[in-house]
Amino acid sequence: MATQHDDILNYLQKYGKLTPWKAFEHLGITKLATRVSELKRAGYDIQGKMIKVKARNGRETQVMEYWWNDLTKDTASWLEHEMDRVDAILAETTSRPLWNDLTKYRAKLEKRMKAVTGKWK
């Protein structure tokens, strides 16, 4: 039996995007944001943005629309390359402000790598 997580991933692979209404209508999922958050913590690169839609009353409202960036291998490769590049600059820099900025940037890259691959470099 498939879990709600499986249903969401399968839907995103097949159709590309998913809104809370579509999740309820097609998958019977009422807490899409919670399931997406759980998938993100598990390492899936689920992205989202607010989009404008018409409500039943005809007024415009906003809902979250999600999609899955299933580019794990390419993304991980780029992140690894970028971290190596930052490491090389860090090894040679004598500027404290630059070193601080690059250290923060590298931490963001590491966090992204963990989200994409489920592990640190």
PDB file of N, CA and C in Angstrom:
ATOM      1  N   MET A   1       0.843  -1.182   0.000  1.00  0.00           N
ATOM      2  CA  MET A   1       0.000   0.000   0.000  1.00  0.00           C
ATOM      3  C   MET A   1       0.891   1.250   0.000  1.00  0.00           C
ATOM      4  N   ALA A   2       0.604   2.168  -0.886  1.00  0.00           N
ATOM      5  CA  ALA A   2       1.402   3.393  -1.017  1.00  0.00           C
ATOM      6  C   ALA A   2       1.077   4.366   0.120  1.00  0.00           C
ATOM      7  N   THR A   3       2.107   5.085   0.551  1.00  0.00           N
ATOM      8  CA  THR A   3       1.913   6.108   1.572  1.00  0.00           C
ATOM      9  C   THR A   3       1.532   7.420   0.891  1.00  0.00           C
ATOM     10  N   GLN A   4       1.125   8.397   1.696  1.00  0.00           N
ATOM     11  CA  GLN A   4       0.840   9.716   1.139  1.00  0.00           C
ATOM     12  C   GLN A   4       2.094  10.313   0.521  1.00  0.00           C
ATOM     13  N   HIS A   5       3.256  10.035   1.106  1.00  0.00           N
ATOM     14  CA  HIS A   5       4.513  10.526   0.528  1.00  0.00           C
ATOM     15  C   HIS A   5       4.720   9.944  -0.867  1.00  0.00           C
ATOM     16  N   ASP A   6       4.485   8.639  -1.000  1.00  0.00           N
ATOM     17  CA  ASP A   6       4.609   7.993  -2.316  1.00  0.00           C
ATOM     18  C   ASP A   6       3.631   8.592  -3.309  1.00  0.00           C
ATOM     19  N   ASP A   7       2.398   8.812  -2.858  1.00  0.00           N
ATOM     20  CA  ASP A   7       1.370   9.391  -3.733  1.00  0.00           C
ATOM     21  C   ASP A   7       1.795  10.776  -4.234  1.00  0.00           C
ATOM     22  N   ILE A   8       2.351  11.581  -3.343  1.00  0.00           N
ATOM     23  CA  ILE A   8       2.783  12.934  -3.722  1.00  0.00           C
ATOM     24  C   ILE A   8       3.921  12.866  -4.731  1.00  0.00           C
ATOM     25  N   LEU A   9       4.929  12.051  -4.445  1.00  0.00           N
ATOM     26  CA  LEU A   9       6.066  11.939  -5.361  1.00  0.00           C
ATOM     27  C   LEU A   9       5.640  11.404  -6.723  1.00  0.00           C
ATOM     28  N   ASN A  10       4.772  10.403  -6.731  1.00  0.00           N
ATOM     29  CA  ASN A  10       4.277   9.859  -7.999  1.00  0.00           C
ATOM     30  C   ASN A  10       3.498  10.910  -8.788  1.00  0.00           C
ATOM     31  N   TYR A  11       2.661  11.672  -8.088  1.00  0.00           N
ATOM     32  CA  TYR A  11       1.886  12.719  -8.749  1.00  0.00           C
ATOM     33  C   TYR A  11       2.806  13.778  -9.336  1.00  0.00           C
ATOM     34  N   LEU A  12       3.801  14.200  -8.554  1.00  0.00           N
ATOM     35  CA  LEU A  12       4.722  15.223  -9.035  1.00  0.00           C
ATOM     36  C   LEU A  12       5.540  14.728 -10.221  1.00  0.00           C
ATOM     37  N   GLN A  13       5.923  13.460 -10.212  1.00  0.00           N
ATOM     38  CA  GLN A  13       6.653  12.909 -11.353  1.00  0.00           C
ATOM     39  C   GLN A  13       5.771  12.870 -12.598  1.00  0.00           C
ATOM     40  N   LYS A  14       4.521  12.518 -12.402  1.00  0.00           N
ATOM     41  CA  LYS A  14       3.616  12.367 -13.552  1.00  0.00           C
ATOM     42  C   LYS A  14       3.102  13.704 -14.082  1.00  0.00           C
ATOM     43  N   TYR A  15       2.712  14.611 -13.173  1.00  0.00           N
ATOM     44  CA  TYR A  15       2.049  15.845 -13.587  1.00  0.00           C
ATOM     45  C   TYR A  15       2.892  17.115 -13.399  1.00  0.00           C
ATOM     46  N   GLY A  16       3.956  17.028 -12.630  1.00  0.00           N
ATOM     47  CA  GLY A  16       4.858  18.167 -12.495  1.00  0.00           C
ATOM     48  C   GLY A  16       4.581  19.095 -11.333  1.00  0.00           C
ATOM     49  N   LYS A  17       3.327  19.450 -11.084  1.00  0.00           N
ATOM     50  CA  LYS A  17       3.002  20.420 -10.030  1.00  0.00           C
ATOM     51  C   LYS A  17       1.789  19.941  -9.241  1.00  0.00           C
ATOM     52  N   LEU A  18       1.722  20.397  -7.992  1.00  0.00           N
ATOM     53  CA  LEU A  18       0.631  19.983  -7.117  1.00  0.00           C
ATOM     54  C   LEU A  18       0.263  21.114  -6.174  1.00  0.00           C
ATOM     55  N   THR A  19      -1.032  21.390  -6.073  1.00  0.00           N
ATOM     56  CA  THR A  19      -1.559  22.382  -5.137  1.00  0.00           C
ATOM     57  C   THR A  19      -2.342  21.645  -4.045  1.00  0.00           C
ATOM     58  N   PRO A  20      -2.628  22.317  -2.931  1.00  0.00           N
ATOM     59  CA  PRO A  20      -3.420  21.666  -1.890  1.00  0.00           C
ATOM     60  C   PRO A  20      -4.777  21.158  -2.394  1.00  0.00           C
ATOM     61  N   TRP A  21      -5.412  21.908  -3.259  1.00  0.00           N
ATOM     62  CA  TRP A  21      -6.702  21.469  -3.778  1.00  0.00           C
ATOM     63  C   TRP A  21      -6.560  20.205  -4.615  1.00  0.00           C
ATOM     64  N   LYS A  22      -5.559  20.175  -5.497  1.00  0.00           N
ATOM     65  CA  LYS A  22      -5.327  18.981  -6.322  1.00  0.00           C
ATOM     66  C   LYS A  22      -4.960  17.787  -5.439  1.00  0.00           C
ATOM     67  N   ALA A  23      -4.185  18.036  -4.373  1.00  0.00           N
ATOM     68  CA  ALA A  23      -3.815  16.954  -3.455  1.00  0.00           C
ATOM     69  C   ALA A  23      -5.062  16.361  -2.801  1.00  0.00           C
ATOM     70  N   PHE A  24      -5.991  17.219  -2.422  1.00  0.00           N
ATOM     71  CA  PHE A  24      -7.236  16.734  -1.824  1.00  0.00           C
ATOM     72  C   PHE A  24      -8.112  16.036  -2.861  1.00  0.00           C
ATOM     73  N   GLU A  25      -8.280  16.695  -3.995  1.00  0.00           N
ATOM     74  CA  GLU A  25      -9.155  16.193  -5.048  1.00  0.00           C
ATOM     75  C   GLU A  25      -8.673  14.855  -5.638  1.00  0.00           C
ATOM     76  N   HIS A  26      -7.387  14.742  -5.919  1.00  0.00           N
ATOM     77  CA  HIS A  26      -6.860  13.562  -6.608  1.00  0.00           C
ATOM     78  C   HIS A  26      -6.257  12.514  -5.679  1.00  0.00           C
ATOM     79  N   LEU A  27      -5.748  12.956  -4.526  1.00  0.00           N
ATOM     80  CA  LEU A  27      -5.030  12.022  -3.653  1.00  0.00           C
ATOM     81  C   LEU A  27      -5.678  11.839  -2.286  1.00  0.00           C
ATOM     82  N   GLY A  28      -6.647  12.684  -1.959  1.00  0.00           N
ATOM     83  CA  GLY A  28      -7.293  12.599  -0.656  1.00  0.00           C
ATOM     84  C   GLY A  28      -6.416  13.097   0.483  1.00  0.00           C
ATOM     85  N   ILE A  29      -5.420  13.906   0.159  1.00  0.00           N
ATOM     86  CA  ILE A  29      -4.485  14.423   1.164  1.00  0.00           C
ATOM     87  C   ILE A  29      -4.938  15.818   1.590  1.00  0.00           C
ATOM     88  N   THR A  30      -5.175  15.980   2.892  1.00  0.00           N
ATOM     89  CA  THR A  30      -5.647  17.276   3.395  1.00  0.00           C
ATOM     90  C   THR A  30      -4.529  18.119   3.993  1.00  0.00           C
ATOM     91  N   LYS A  31      -3.401  17.519   4.326  1.00  0.00           N
ATOM     92  CA  LYS A  31      -2.281  18.250   4.928  1.00  0.00           C
ATOM     93  C   LYS A  31      -1.064  18.182   4.013  1.00  0.00           C
ATOM     94  N   LEU A  32      -1.197  18.746   2.825  1.00  0.00           N
ATOM     95  CA  LEU A  32      -0.111  18.697   1.849  1.00  0.00           C
ATOM     96  C   LEU A  32       1.150  19.374   2.374  1.00  0.00           C
ATOM     97  N   ALA A  33       1.029  20.545   2.976  1.00  0.00           N
ATOM     98  CA  ALA A  33       2.211  21.271   3.459  1.00  0.00           C
ATOM     99  C   ALA A  33       2.999  20.434   4.478  1.00  0.00           C
ATOM    100  N   THR A  34       2.310  19.717   5.329  1.00  0.00           N
ATOM    101  CA  THR A  34       2.966  18.864   6.315  1.00  0.00           C
ATOM    102  C   THR A  34       3.712  17.728   5.633  1.00  0.00           C
ATOM    103  N   ARG A  35       3.046  17.065   4.676  1.00  0.00           N
ATOM    104  CA  ARG A  35       3.695  15.953   3.951  1.00  0.00           C
ATOM    105  C   ARG A  35       4.901  16.452   3.152  1.00  0.00           C
ATOM    106  N   VAL A  36       4.793  17.629   2.542  1.00  0.00           N
ATOM    107  CA  VAL A  36       5.910  18.197   1.779  1.00  0.00           C
ATOM    108  C   VAL A  36       7.073  18.507   2.717  1.00  0.00           C
ATOM    109  N   SER A  37       6.778  19.055   3.875  1.00  0.00           N
ATOM    110  CA  SER A  37       7.815  19.342   4.862  1.00  0.00           C
ATOM    111  C   SER A  37       8.536  18.060   5.272  1.00  0.00           C
ATOM    112  N   GLU A  38       7.799  16.996   5.463  1.00  0.00           N
ATOM    113  CA  GLU A  38       8.397  15.702   5.821  1.00  0.00           C
ATOM    114  C   GLU A  38       9.274  15.170   4.690  1.00  0.00           C
ATOM    115  N   LEU A  39       8.819  15.331   3.456  1.00  0.00           N
ATOM    116  CA  LEU A  39       9.622  14.898   2.309  1.00  0.00           C
ATOM    117  C   LEU A  39      10.912  15.701   2.204  1.00  0.00           C
ATOM    118  N   LYS A  40      10.818  17.002   2.459  1.00  0.00           N
ATOM    119  CA  LYS A  40      12.017  17.843   2.426  1.00  0.00           C
ATOM    120  C   LYS A  40      13.021  17.388   3.481  1.00  0.00           C
ATOM    121  N   ARG A  41      12.527  17.100   4.686  1.00  0.00           N
ATOM    122  CA  ARG A  41      13.420  16.622   5.755  1.00  0.00           C
ATOM    123  C   ARG A  41      14.050  15.286   5.388  1.00  0.00           C
ATOM    124  N   ALA A  42      13.361  14.510   4.562  1.00  0.00           N
ATOM    125  CA  ALA A  42      13.890  13.212   4.116  1.00  0.00           C
ATOM    126  C   ALA A  42      14.877  13.380   2.961  1.00  0.00           C
ATOM    127  N   GLY A  43      15.060  14.617   2.488  1.00  0.00           N
ATOM    128  CA  GLY A  43      16.060  14.867   1.458  1.00  0.00           C
ATOM    129  C   GLY A  43      15.531  15.118   0.065  1.00  0.00           C
ATOM    130  N   TYR A  44      14.225  15.104  -0.123  1.00  0.00           N
ATOM    131  CA  TYR A  44      13.663  15.366  -1.446  1.00  0.00           C
ATOM    132  C   TYR A  44      13.674  16.865  -1.719  1.00  0.00           C
ATOM    133  N   ASP A  45      14.044  17.214  -2.922  1.00  0.00           N
ATOM    134  CA  ASP A  45      14.132  18.624  -3.313  1.00  0.00           C
ATOM    135  C   ASP A  45      12.779  19.085  -3.840  1.00  0.00           C
ATOM    136  N   ILE A  46      11.852  19.324  -2.921  1.00  0.00           N
ATOM    137  CA  ILE A  46      10.520  19.803  -3.270  1.00  0.00           C
ATOM    138  C   ILE A  46      10.548  21.326  -3.141  1.00  0.00           C
ATOM    139  N   GLN A  47      10.159  21.994  -4.191  1.00  0.00           N
ATOM    140  CA  GLN A  47      10.129  23.454  -4.210  1.00  0.00           C
ATOM    141  C   GLN A  47       8.675  23.913  -4.247  1.00  0.00           C
ATOM    142  N   GLY A  48       8.454  25.175  -3.906  1.00  0.00           N
ATOM    143  CA  GLY A  48       7.100  25.695  -3.945  1.00  0.00           C
ATOM    144  C   GLY A  48       7.082  27.200  -4.059  1.00  0.00           C
ATOM    145  N   LYS A  49       5.964  27.707  -4.536  1.00  0.00           N
ATOM    146  CA  LYS A  49       5.757  29.155  -4.585  1.00  0.00           C
ATOM    147  C   LYS A  49       4.261  29.424  -4.516  1.00  0.00           C
ATOM    148  N   MET A  50       3.945  30.628  -4.072  1.00  0.00           N
ATOM    149  CA  MET A  50       2.547  31.042  -4.020  1.00  0.00           C
ATOM    150  C   MET A  50       2.097  31.435  -5.422  1.00  0.00           C
ATOM    151  N   ILE A  51       0.917  30.952  -5.811  1.00  0.00           N
ATOM    152  CA  ILE A  51       0.349  31.322  -7.103  1.00  0.00           C
ATOM    153  C   ILE A  51      -1.055  31.870  -6.877  1.00  0.00           C
ATOM    154  N   LYS A  52      -1.510  32.676  -7.810  1.00  0.00           N
ATOM    155  CA  LYS A  52      -2.862  33.231  -7.726  1.00  0.00           C
ATOM    156  C   LYS A  52      -3.815  32.323  -8.497  1.00  0.00           C
ATOM    157  N   VAL A  53      -4.969  32.051  -7.866  1.00  0.00           N
ATOM    158  CA  VAL A  53      -6.016  31.239  -8.489  1.00  0.00           C
ATOM    159  C   VAL A  53      -7.363  31.884  -8.189  1.00  0.00           C
ATOM    160  N   LYS A  54      -8.359  31.515  -8.965  1.00  0.00           N
ATOM    161  CA  LYS A  54      -9.713  31.996  -8.679  1.00  0.00           C
ATOM    162  C   LYS A  54     -10.400  31.037  -7.727  1.00  0.00           C
ATOM    163  N   ALA A  55     -10.978  31.591  -6.689  1.00  0.00           N
ATOM    164  CA  ALA A  55     -11.734  30.794  -5.726  1.00  0.00           C
ATOM    165  C   ALA A  55     -13.136  30.536  -6.290  1.00  0.00           C
ATOM    166  N   ARG A  56     -13.888  29.674  -5.602  1.00  0.00           N
ATOM    167  CA  ARG A  56     -15.254  29.354  -6.058  1.00  0.00           C
ATOM    168  C   ARG A  56     -16.145  30.581  -6.117  1.00  0.00           C
ATOM    169  N   ASN A  57     -15.877  31.562  -5.251  1.00  0.00           N
ATOM    170  CA  ASN A  57     -16.697  32.773  -5.235  1.00  0.00           C
ATOM    171  C   ASN A  57     -16.280  33.767  -6.322  1.00  0.00           C
ATOM    172  N   GLY A  58     -15.283  33.388  -7.141  1.00  0.00           N
ATOM    173  CA  GLY A  58     -14.840  34.247  -8.231  1.00  0.00           C
ATOM    174  C   GLY A  58     -13.724  35.196  -7.867  1.00  0.00           C
ATOM    175  N   ARG A  59     -13.451  35.313  -6.584  1.00  0.00           N
ATOM    176  CA  ARG A  59     -12.376  36.191  -6.151  1.00  0.00           C
ATOM    177  C   ARG A  59     -11.018  35.504  -6.342  1.00  0.00           C
ATOM    178  N   GLU A  60     -10.001  36.346  -6.430  1.00  0.00           N
ATOM    179  CA  GLU A  60      -8.643  35.816  -6.564  1.00  0.00           C
ATOM    180  C   GLU A  60      -8.067  35.530  -5.185  1.00  0.00           C
ATOM    181  N   THR A  61      -7.396  34.406  -5.067  1.00  0.00           N
ATOM    182  CA  THR A  61      -6.733  34.044  -3.818  1.00  0.00           C
ATOM    183  C   THR A  61      -5.382  33.427  -4.157  1.00  0.00           C
ATOM    184  N   GLN A  62      -4.594  33.154  -3.147  1.00  0.00           N
ATOM    185  CA  GLN A  62      -3.289  32.547  -3.374  1.00  0.00           C
ATOM    186  C   GLN A  62      -3.211  31.187  -2.709  1.00  0.00           C
ATOM    187  N   VAL A  63      -2.564  30.257  -3.389  1.00  0.00           N
ATOM    188  CA  VAL A  63      -2.306  28.934  -2.839  1.00  0.00           C
ATOM    189  C   VAL A  63      -0.860  28.564  -3.141  1.00  0.00           C
ATOM    190  N   MET A  64      -0.355  27.614  -2.401  1.00  0.00           N
ATOM    191  CA  MET A  64       1.001  27.142  -2.631  1.00  0.00           C
ATOM    192  C   MET A  64       0.971  26.081  -3.734  1.00  0.00           C
ATOM    193  N   GLU A  65       1.934  26.189  -4.625  1.00  0.00           N
ATOM    194  CA  GLU A  65       2.084  25.196  -5.694  1.00  0.00           C
ATOM    195  C   GLU A  65       3.465  24.561  -5.514  1.00  0.00           C
ATOM    196  N   TYR A  66       3.517  23.230  -5.508  1.00  0.00           N
ATOM    197  CA  TYR A  66       4.760  22.506  -5.276  1.00  0.00           C
ATOM    198  C   TYR A  66       5.198  21.774  -6.531  1.00  0.00           C
ATOM    199  N   TRP A  67       6.520  21.594  -6.662  1.00  0.00           N
ATOM    200  CA  TRP A  67       7.078  20.756  -7.715  1.00  0.00           C
ATOM    201  C   TRP A  67       8.326  20.088  -7.162  1.00  0.00           C
ATOM    202  N   TRP A  68       8.731  19.001  -7.799  1.00  0.00           N
ATOM    203  CA  TRP A  68       9.874  18.215  -7.343  1.00  0.00           C
ATOM    204  C   TRP A  68      11.011  18.382  -8.326  1.00  0.00           C
ATOM    205  N   ASN A  69      12.122  18.917  -7.844  1.00  0.00           N
ATOM    206  CA  ASN A  69      13.327  19.016  -8.661  1.00  0.00           C
ATOM    207  C   ASN A  69      14.060  17.691  -8.552  1.00  0.00           C
ATOM    208  N   ASP A  70      13.728  16.776  -9.424  1.00  0.00           N
ATOM    209  CA  ASP A  70      14.351  15.452  -9.396  1.00  0.00           C
ATOM    210  C   ASP A  70      15.639  15.474 -10.216  1.00  0.00           C
ATOM    211  N   LEU A  71      16.519  16.396  -9.872  1.00  0.00           N
ATOM    212  CA  LEU A  71      17.789  16.549 -10.563  1.00  0.00           C
ATOM    213  C   LEU A  71      18.926  16.262  -9.593  1.00  0.00           C
ATOM    214  N   THR A  72      18.723  15.295  -8.726  1.00  0.00           N
ATOM    215  CA  THR A  72      19.631  15.036  -7.628  1.00  0.00           C
ATOM    216  C   THR A  72      21.075  14.877  -8.087  1.00  0.00           C
ATOM    217  N   LYS A  73      21.309  14.059  -9.105  1.00  0.00           N
ATOM    218  CA  LYS A  73      22.684  13.791  -9.535  1.00  0.00           C
ATOM    219  C   LYS A  73      23.353  15.059 -10.071  1.00  0.00           C
ATOM    220  N   ASP A  74      22.683  15.772 -10.978  1.00  0.00           N
ATOM    221  CA  ASP A  74      23.249  16.986 -11.549  1.00  0.00           C
ATOM    222  C   ASP A  74      23.437  18.066 -10.482  1.00  0.00           C
ATOM    223  N   THR A  75      22.457  18.209  -9.618  1.00  0.00           N
ATOM    224  CA  THR A  75      22.531  19.215  -8.570  1.00  0.00           C
ATOM    225  C   THR A  75      23.667  18.893  -7.607  1.00  0.00           C
ATOM    226  N   ALA A  76      23.785  17.643  -7.198  1.00  0.00           N
ATOM    227  CA  ALA A  76      24.845  17.242  -6.277  1.00  0.00           C
ATOM    228  C   ALA A  76      26.211  17.469  -6.911  1.00  0.00           C
ATOM    229  N   SER A  77      26.338  17.177  -8.186  1.00  0.00           N
ATOM    230  CA  SER A  77      27.611  17.381  -8.885  1.00  0.00           C
ATOM    231  C   SER A  77      27.986  18.863  -8.883  1.00  0.00           C
ATOM    232  N   TRP A  78      27.029  19.725  -9.206  1.00  0.00           N
ATOM    233  CA  TRP A  78      27.292  21.164  -9.214  1.00  0.00           C
ATOM    234  C   TRP A  78      27.653  21.654  -7.812  1.00  0.00           C
ATOM    235  N   LEU A  79      26.909  21.200  -6.791  1.00  0.00           N
ATOM    236  CA  LEU A  79      27.178  21.623  -5.422  1.00  0.00           C
ATOM    237  C   LEU A  79      28.577  21.196  -4.979  1.00  0.00           C
ATOM    238  N   GLU A  80      28.961  19.979  -5.330  1.00  0.00           N
ATOM    239  CA  GLU A  80      30.291  19.500  -4.966  1.00  0.00           C
ATOM    240  C   GLU A  80      31.373  20.356  -5.633  1.00  0.00           C
ATOM    241  N   HIS A  81      31.177  20.650  -6.901  1.00  0.00           N
ATOM    242  CA  HIS A  81      32.119  21.503  -7.631  1.00  0.00           C
ATOM    243  C   HIS A  81      32.198  22.894  -6.984  1.00  0.00           C
ATOM    244  N   GLU A  82      31.052  23.454  -6.639  1.00  0.00           N
ATOM    245  CA  GLU A  82      31.012  24.794  -6.040  1.00  0.00           C
ATOM    246  C   GLU A  82      31.687  24.802  -4.663  1.00  0.00           C
ATOM    247  N   MET A  83      31.462  23.758  -3.877  1.00  0.00           N
ATOM    248  CA  MET A  83      32.107  23.682  -2.562  1.00  0.00           C
ATOM    249  C   MET A  83      33.630  23.575  -2.716  1.00  0.00           C
ATOM    250  N   ASP A  84      34.084  22.800  -3.689  1.00  0.00           N
ATOM    251  CA  ASP A  84      35.529  22.689  -3.942  1.00  0.00           C
ATOM    252  C   ASP A  84      36.103  24.049  -4.338  1.00  0.00           C
ATOM    253  N   ARG A  85      35.374  24.776  -5.178  1.00  0.00           N
ATOM    254  CA  ARG A  85      35.820  26.100  -5.619  1.00  0.00           C
ATOM    255  C   ARG A  85      35.922  27.057  -4.424  1.00  0.00           C
ATOM    256  N   VAL A  86      34.906  27.038  -3.564  1.00  0.00           N
ATOM    257  CA  VAL A  86      34.907  27.890  -2.374  1.00  0.00           C
ATOM    258  C   VAL A  86      36.057  27.493  -1.440  1.00  0.00           C
ATOM    259  N   ASP A  87      36.292  26.191  -1.272  1.00  0.00           N
ATOM    260  CA  ASP A  87      37.389  25.727  -0.425  1.00  0.00           C
ATOM    261  C   ASP A  87      38.733  26.243  -0.929  1.00  0.00           C
ATOM    262  N   ALA A  88      38.909  26.239  -2.248  1.00  0.00           N
ATOM    263  CA  ALA A  88      40.167  26.724  -2.827  1.00  0.00           C
ATOM    264  C   ALA A  88      40.365  28.213  -2.550  1.00  0.00           C
ATOM    265  N   ILE A  89      39.301  28.975  -2.664  1.00  0.00           N
ATOM    266  CA  ILE A  89      39.396  30.418  -2.388  1.00  0.00           C
ATOM    267  C   ILE A  89      39.652  30.652  -0.898  1.00  0.00           C
ATOM    268  N   LEU A  90      38.952  29.891  -0.050  1.00  0.00           N
ATOM    269  CA  LEU A  90      39.137  30.035   1.398  1.00  0.00           C
ATOM    270  C   LEU A  90      40.585  29.739   1.816  1.00  0.00           C
ATOM    271  N   ALA A  91      41.186  28.765   1.150  1.00  0.00           N
ATOM    272  CA  ALA A  91      42.555  28.380   1.496  1.00  0.00           C
ATOM    273  C   ALA A  91      43.560  29.485   1.180  1.00  0.00           C
ATOM    274  N   GLU A  92      43.213  30.347   0.232  1.00  0.00           N
ATOM    275  CA  GLU A  92      44.163  31.374  -0.201  1.00  0.00           C
ATOM    276  C   GLU A  92      43.833  32.788   0.272  1.00  0.00           C
ATOM    277  N   THR A  93      42.635  32.997   0.775  1.00  0.00           N
ATOM    278  CA  THR A  93      42.246  34.364   1.120  1.00  0.00           C
ATOM    279  C   THR A  93      42.877  34.832   2.435  1.00  0.00           C
ATOM    280  N   THR A  94      43.205  36.106   2.460  1.00  0.00           N
ATOM    281  CA  THR A  94      43.696  36.728   3.695  1.00  0.00           C
ATOM    282  C   THR A  94      42.716  37.782   4.190  1.00  0.00           C
ATOM    283  N   SER A  95      41.672  38.005   3.427  1.00  0.00           N
ATOM    284  CA  SER A  95      40.666  39.004   3.782  1.00  0.00           C
ATOM    285  C   SER A  95      39.639  38.385   4.735  1.00  0.00           C
ATOM    286  N   ARG A  96      39.568  38.902   5.943  1.00  0.00           N
ATOM    287  CA  ARG A  96      38.627  38.367   6.933  1.00  0.00           C
ATOM    288  C   ARG A  96      37.166  38.530   6.495  1.00  0.00           C
ATOM    289  N   PRO A  97      36.752  39.700   5.964  1.00  0.00           N
ATOM    290  CA  PRO A  97      35.358  39.828   5.523  1.00  0.00           C
ATOM    291  C   PRO A  97      35.013  38.829   4.401  1.00  0.00           C
ATOM    292  N   LEU A  98      35.919  38.644   3.449  1.00  0.00           N
ATOM    293  CA  LEU A  98      35.685  37.681   2.373  1.00  0.00           C
ATOM    294  C   LEU A  98      35.599  36.272   2.938  1.00  0.00           C
ATOM    295  N   TRP A  99      36.506  35.952   3.864  1.00  0.00           N
ATOM    296  CA  TRP A  99      36.514  34.627   4.477  1.00  0.00           C
ATOM    297  C   TRP A  99      35.176  34.370   5.193  1.00  0.00           C
ATOM    298  N   ASN A 100      34.678  35.378   5.929  1.00  0.00           N
ATOM    299  CA  ASN A 100      33.396  35.233   6.636  1.00  0.00           C
ATOM    300  C   ASN A 100      32.250  35.001   5.654  1.00  0.00           C
ATOM    301  N   ASP A 101      32.207  35.790   4.575  1.00  0.00           N
ATOM    302  CA  ASP A 101      31.144  35.635   3.575  1.00  0.00           C
ATOM    303  C   ASP A 101      31.195  34.264   2.907  1.00  0.00           C
ATOM    304  N   LEU A 102      32.387  33.825   2.552  1.00  0.00           N
ATOM    305  CA  LEU A 102      32.533  32.530   1.888  1.00  0.00           C
ATOM    306  C   LEU A 102      32.199  31.370   2.824  1.00  0.00           C
ATOM    307  N   THR A 103      32.525  31.522   4.092  1.00  0.00           N
ATOM    308  CA  THR A 103      32.189  30.484   5.063  1.00  0.00           C
ATOM    309  C   THR A 103      30.668  30.339   5.187  1.00  0.00           C
ATOM    310  N   LYS A 104      29.969  31.457   5.212  1.00  0.00           N
ATOM    311  CA  LYS A 104      28.498  31.429   5.267  1.00  0.00           C
ATOM    312  C   LYS A 104      27.928  30.803   3.996  1.00  0.00           C
ATOM    313  N   TYR A 105      28.497  31.174   2.845  1.00  0.00           N
ATOM    314  CA  TYR A 105      28.045  30.629   1.571  1.00  0.00           C
ATOM    315  C   TYR A 105      28.268  29.116   1.529  1.00  0.00           C
ATOM    316  N   ARG A 106      29.419  28.676   2.014  1.00  0.00           N
ATOM    317  CA  ARG A 106      29.715  27.240   2.000  1.00  0.00           C
ATOM    318  C   ARG A 106      28.746  26.486   2.902  1.00  0.00           C
ATOM    319  N   ALA A 107      28.394  27.065   4.034  1.00  0.00           N
ATOM    320  CA  ALA A 107      27.427  26.435   4.932  1.00  0.00           C
ATOM    321  C   ALA A 107      26.077  26.261   4.229  1.00  0.00           C
ATOM    322  N   LYS A 108      25.680  27.258   3.437  1.00  0.00           N
ATOM    323  CA  LYS A 108      24.436  27.144   2.670  1.00  0.00           C
ATOM    324  C   LYS A 108      24.545  26.033   1.630  1.00  0.00           C
ATOM    325  N   LEU A 109      25.701  25.934   0.991  1.00  0.00           N
ATOM    326  CA  LEU A 109      25.913  24.866   0.012  1.00  0.00           C
ATOM    327  C   LEU A 109      25.831  23.492   0.679  1.00  0.00           C
ATOM    328  N   GLU A 110      26.420  23.376   1.856  1.00  0.00           N
ATOM    329  CA  GLU A 110      26.376  22.106   2.589  1.00  0.00           C
ATOM    330  C   GLU A 110      24.939  21.730   2.956  1.00  0.00           C
ATOM    331  N   LYS A 111      24.172  22.712   3.391  1.00  0.00           N
ATOM    332  CA  LYS A 111      22.774  22.468   3.743  1.00  0.00           C
ATOM    333  C   LYS A 111      21.994  21.999   2.508  1.00  0.00           C
ATOM    334  N   ARG A 112      22.260  22.639   1.387  1.00  0.00           N
ATOM    335  CA  ARG A 112      21.595  22.259   0.132  1.00  0.00           C
ATOM    336  C   ARG A 112      22.012  20.853  -0.284  1.00  0.00           C
ATOM    337  N   MET A 113      23.311  20.537  -0.133  1.00  0.00           N
ATOM    338  CA  MET A 113      23.800  19.196  -0.473  1.00  0.00           C
ATOM    339  C   MET A 113      23.102  18.146   0.382  1.00  0.00           C
ATOM    340  N   LYS A 114      22.933  18.451   1.651  1.00  0.00           N
ATOM    341  CA  LYS A 114      22.249  17.497   2.539  1.00  0.00           C
ATOM    342  C   LYS A 114      20.801  17.300   2.085  1.00  0.00           C
ATOM    343  N   ALA A 115      20.149  18.380   1.701  1.00  0.00           N
ATOM    344  CA  ALA A 115      18.762  18.282   1.242  1.00  0.00           C
ATOM    345  C   ALA A 115      18.666  17.474  -0.051  1.00  0.00           C
ATOM    346  N   VAL A 116      19.645  17.630  -0.928  1.00  0.00           N
ATOM    347  CA  VAL A 116      19.614  16.944  -2.225  1.00  0.00           C
ATOM    348  C   VAL A 116      19.989  15.478  -2.097  1.00  0.00           C
ATOM    349  N   THR A 117      21.036  15.196  -1.329  1.00  0.00           N
ATOM    350  CA  THR A 117      21.556  13.833  -1.290  1.00  0.00           C
ATOM    351  C   THR A 117      21.261  13.100   0.013  1.00  0.00           C
ATOM    352  N   GLY A 118      20.870  13.860   1.034  1.00  0.00           N
ATOM    353  CA  GLY A 118      20.622  13.244   2.335  1.00  0.00           C
ATOM    354  C   GLY A 118      21.886  13.109   3.163  1.00  0.00           C
ATOM    355  N   LYS A 119      23.006  13.643   2.696  1.00  0.00           N
ATOM    356  CA  LYS A 119      24.246  13.547   3.452  1.00  0.00           C
ATOM    357  C   LYS A 119      25.130  14.745   3.174  1.00  0.00           C
ATOM    358  N   TRP A 120      26.084  14.970   4.053  1.00  0.00           N
ATOM    359  CA  TRP A 120      27.091  16.011   3.857  1.00  0.00           C
ATOM    360  C   TRP A 120      28.149  15.488   2.916  1.00  0.00           C
ATOM    361  N   LYS A 121      28.907  16.413   2.352  1.00  0.00           N
ATOM    362  CA  LYS A 121      30.003  16.031   1.456  1.00  0.00           C
ATOM    363  C   LYS A 121      31.054  15.269   2.229  1.00  0.00           C
TER     364      LYS A 121
END
